[in-house]
Amino acid sequence: MVVAFAHQGEALRSQIAAFTSRNDVTVKLDLRGNPEELTTSQRLSILAFVREAMVNVRDHSGAKAATVTVSVGRARTHAAVLDEGRGFDVERTLVQAARRGRL
């Protein structure tokens, strides 16, 4: 499994291409820095985060396009998924999720 994720950029591109082919959401990847400097667990975490965020875009936002940005630096790594969807009230949603035991 480690070999499959040896090239983070390729893994992200493949994941996004597969998602785009199965869904009505166009996803652009903006990859900065050298993801090869990340540990295997960091790479897997980023892939899992991006996958879950894209599913949330599809299921909840109503957006037809999204951008995945992953920036790898010496001091930190930043990953974000942005869309032009309808959004939500963060505080209210967190309270509701906690009440349902989903937080």
C-alpha atoms as a PDB file:
ATOM      1  CA  MET A   1       0.000   0.000   0.000  1.00  0.00           C
ATOM      2  CA  VAL A   2       2.885   2.378   0.671  1.00  0.00           C
ATOM      3  CA  VAL A   3       4.027   2.056  -2.935  1.00  0.00           C
ATOM      4  CA  ALA A   4       0.590   3.104  -4.211  1.00  0.00           C
ATOM      5  CA  PHE A   5       0.914   6.377  -2.334  1.00  0.00           C
ATOM      6  CA  ALA A   6       4.563   7.014  -3.077  1.00  0.00           C
ATOM      7  CA  HIS A   7       3.682   9.862  -5.419  1.00  0.00           C
ATOM      8  CA  GLN A   8       1.164  12.041  -3.605  1.00  0.00           C
ATOM      9  CA  GLY A   9       0.519  14.280  -6.590  1.00  0.00           C
ATOM     10  CA  GLU A  10      -0.353  11.270  -8.736  1.00  0.00           C
ATOM     11  CA  ALA A  11      -2.551   9.784  -6.007  1.00  0.00           C
ATOM     12  CA  LEU A  12      -4.459  13.057  -5.581  1.00  0.00           C
ATOM     13  CA  ARG A  13      -4.863  13.495  -9.332  1.00  0.00           C
ATOM     14  CA  SER A  14      -6.126   9.925  -9.670  1.00  0.00           C
ATOM     15  CA  GLN A  15      -8.562  10.326  -6.771  1.00  0.00           C
ATOM     16  CA  ILE A  16      -9.915  13.579  -8.204  1.00  0.00           C
ATOM     17  CA  ALA A  17     -10.213  12.120 -11.723  1.00  0.00           C
ATOM     18  CA  ALA A  18     -12.143   9.126 -10.398  1.00  0.00           C
ATOM     19  CA  PHE A  19     -14.451  11.370  -8.377  1.00  0.00           C
ATOM     20  CA  THR A  20     -15.067  13.715 -11.316  1.00  0.00           C
ATOM     21  CA  SER A  21     -15.845  10.816 -13.658  1.00  0.00           C
ATOM     22  CA  ARG A  22     -18.539   9.496 -11.278  1.00  0.00           C
ATOM     23  CA  ASN A  23     -20.080  12.806 -10.218  1.00  0.00           C
ATOM     24  CA  ASP A  24     -21.414  16.034 -11.671  1.00  0.00           C
ATOM     25  CA  VAL A  25     -18.733  18.135  -9.944  1.00  0.00           C
ATOM     26  CA  THR A  26     -15.624  19.486 -11.656  1.00  0.00           C
ATOM     27  CA  VAL A  27     -12.611  19.518  -9.336  1.00  0.00           C
ATOM     28  CA  LYS A  28      -9.389  21.460  -9.924  1.00  0.00           C
ATOM     29  CA  LEU A  29      -6.178  20.507  -8.057  1.00  0.00           C
ATOM     30  CA  ASP A  30      -3.699  23.158  -6.935  1.00  0.00           C
ATOM     31  CA  LEU A  31      -0.673  21.301  -5.532  1.00  0.00           C
ATOM     32  CA  ARG A  32       2.205  23.359  -4.136  1.00  0.00           C
ATOM     33  CA  GLY A  33       5.481  22.297  -2.595  1.00  0.00           C
ATOM     34  CA  ASN A  34       6.948  18.808  -2.524  1.00  0.00           C
ATOM     35  CA  PRO A  35       4.477  16.214  -1.205  1.00  0.00           C
ATOM     36  CA  GLU A  36       7.218  13.577  -1.363  1.00  0.00           C
ATOM     37  CA  GLU A  37       8.580  15.098   1.869  1.00  0.00           C
ATOM     38  CA  LEU A  38       5.487  13.943   3.771  1.00  0.00           C
ATOM     39  CA  THR A  39       5.342  10.730   5.758  1.00  0.00           C
ATOM     40  CA  THR A  40       3.148   7.895   4.537  1.00  0.00           C
ATOM     41  CA  SER A  41       0.600   8.562   7.292  1.00  0.00           C
ATOM     42  CA  GLN A  42       0.479  12.257   6.356  1.00  0.00           C
ATOM     43  CA  ARG A  43      -0.102  11.347   2.704  1.00  0.00           C
ATOM     44  CA  LEU A  44      -2.878   8.935   3.610  1.00  0.00           C
ATOM     45  CA  SER A  45      -4.483  11.520   5.895  1.00  0.00           C
ATOM     46  CA  ILE A  46      -4.513  14.118   3.123  1.00  0.00           C
ATOM     47  CA  LEU A  47      -6.052  11.639   0.682  1.00  0.00           C
ATOM     48  CA  ALA A  48      -8.742  10.708   3.218  1.00  0.00           C
ATOM     49  CA  PHE A  49      -9.455  14.383   3.992  1.00  0.00           C
ATOM     50  CA  VAL A  50      -9.756  15.290   0.311  1.00  0.00           C
ATOM     51  CA  ARG A  51     -11.971  12.276  -0.433  1.00  0.00           C
ATOM     52  CA  GLU A  52     -14.366  13.061   2.439  1.00  0.00           C
ATOM     53  CA  ALA A  53     -14.455  16.776   1.614  1.00  0.00           C
ATOM     54  CA  MET A  54     -15.293  16.067  -2.034  1.00  0.00           C
ATOM     55  CA  VAL A  55     -18.100  13.732  -0.964  1.00  0.00           C
ATOM     56  CA  ASN A  56     -19.429  16.525   1.273  1.00  0.00           C
ATOM     57  CA  VAL A  57     -19.299  18.949  -1.663  1.00  0.00           C
ATOM     58  CA  ARG A  58     -21.283  16.491  -3.775  1.00  0.00           C
ATOM     59  CA  ASP A  59     -23.797  15.563  -1.095  1.00  0.00           C
ATOM     60  CA  HIS A  60     -24.394  18.862   0.667  1.00  0.00           C
ATOM     61  CA  SER A  61     -23.240  21.976  -1.175  1.00  0.00           C
ATOM     62  CA  GLY A  62     -25.040  21.786  -4.499  1.00  0.00           C
ATOM     63  CA  ALA A  63     -21.834  23.056  -6.127  1.00  0.00           C
ATOM     64  CA  LYS A  64     -20.837  22.044  -9.637  1.00  0.00           C
ATOM     65  CA  ALA A  65     -17.165  22.957  -9.166  1.00  0.00           C
ATOM     66  CA  ALA A  66     -14.568  22.789  -6.413  1.00  0.00           C
ATOM     67  CA  THR A  67     -10.877  23.452  -5.936  1.00  0.00           C
ATOM     68  CA  VAL A  68      -8.570  21.237  -3.882  1.00  0.00           C
ATOM     69  CA  THR A  69      -5.464  23.047  -2.655  1.00  0.00           C
ATOM     70  CA  VAL A  70      -2.614  21.195  -0.963  1.00  0.00           C
ATOM     71  CA  SER A  71       0.423  23.208   0.064  1.00  0.00           C
ATOM     72  CA  VAL A  72       3.401  21.389   1.548  1.00  0.00           C
ATOM     73  CA  GLY A  73       5.998  23.477   3.345  1.00  0.00           C
ATOM     74  CA  ARG A  74       8.821  22.973   5.796  1.00  0.00           C
ATOM     75  CA  ALA A  75       6.857  24.128   8.842  1.00  0.00           C
ATOM     76  CA  ARG A  76       3.360  23.032   7.896  1.00  0.00           C
ATOM     77  CA  THR A  77       1.108  21.408   5.357  1.00  0.00           C
ATOM     78  CA  HIS A  78      -2.216  22.984   4.426  1.00  0.00           C
ATOM     79  CA  ALA A  79      -5.079  21.259   2.624  1.00  0.00           C
ATOM     80  CA  ALA A  80      -8.370  22.910   1.686  1.00  0.00           C
ATOM     81  CA  VAL A  81     -11.382  22.091  -0.443  1.00  0.00           C
ATOM     82  CA  LEU A  82     -13.381  25.118  -1.579  1.00  0.00           C
ATOM     83  CA  ASP A  83     -16.609  25.226  -3.556  1.00  0.00           C
ATOM     84  CA  GLU A  84     -19.189  27.776  -4.651  1.00  0.00           C
ATOM     85  CA  GLY A  85     -22.044  25.898  -2.970  1.00  0.00           C
ATOM     86  CA  ARG A  86     -24.784  27.109  -0.675  1.00  0.00           C
ATOM     87  CA  GLY A  87     -22.785  26.930   2.582  1.00  0.00           C
ATOM     88  CA  PHE A  88     -24.173  26.415   6.079  1.00  0.00           C
ATOM     89  CA  ASP A  89     -24.317  27.922   9.561  1.00  0.00           C
ATOM     90  CA  VAL A  90     -21.256  26.357  11.226  1.00  0.00           C
ATOM     91  CA  GLU A  91     -22.265  26.901  14.850  1.00  0.00           C
ATOM     92  CA  ARG A  92     -25.809  25.591  14.405  1.00  0.00           C
ATOM     93  CA  THR A  93     -24.588  22.591  12.417  1.00  0.00           C
ATOM     94  CA  LEU A  94     -21.983  21.672  15.057  1.00  0.00           C
ATOM     95  CA  VAL A  95     -24.577  21.881  17.849  1.00  0.00           C
ATOM     96  CA  GLN A  96     -27.027  19.720  15.899  1.00  0.00           C
ATOM     97  CA  ALA A  97     -24.324  17.166  15.092  1.00  0.00           C
ATOM     98  CA  ALA A  98     -23.253  16.995  18.744  1.00  0.00           C
ATOM     99  CA  ARG A  99     -26.852  16.437  19.861  1.00  0.00           C
ATOM    100  CA  ARG A 100     -27.139  13.535  17.411  1.00  0.00           C
ATOM    101  CA  GLY A 101     -23.844  12.063  18.622  1.00  0.00           C
ATOM    102  CA  ARG A 102     -22.144  12.657  15.262  1.00  0.00           C
ATOM    103  CA  LEU A 103     -19.386  14.969  16.441  1.00  0.00           C
END
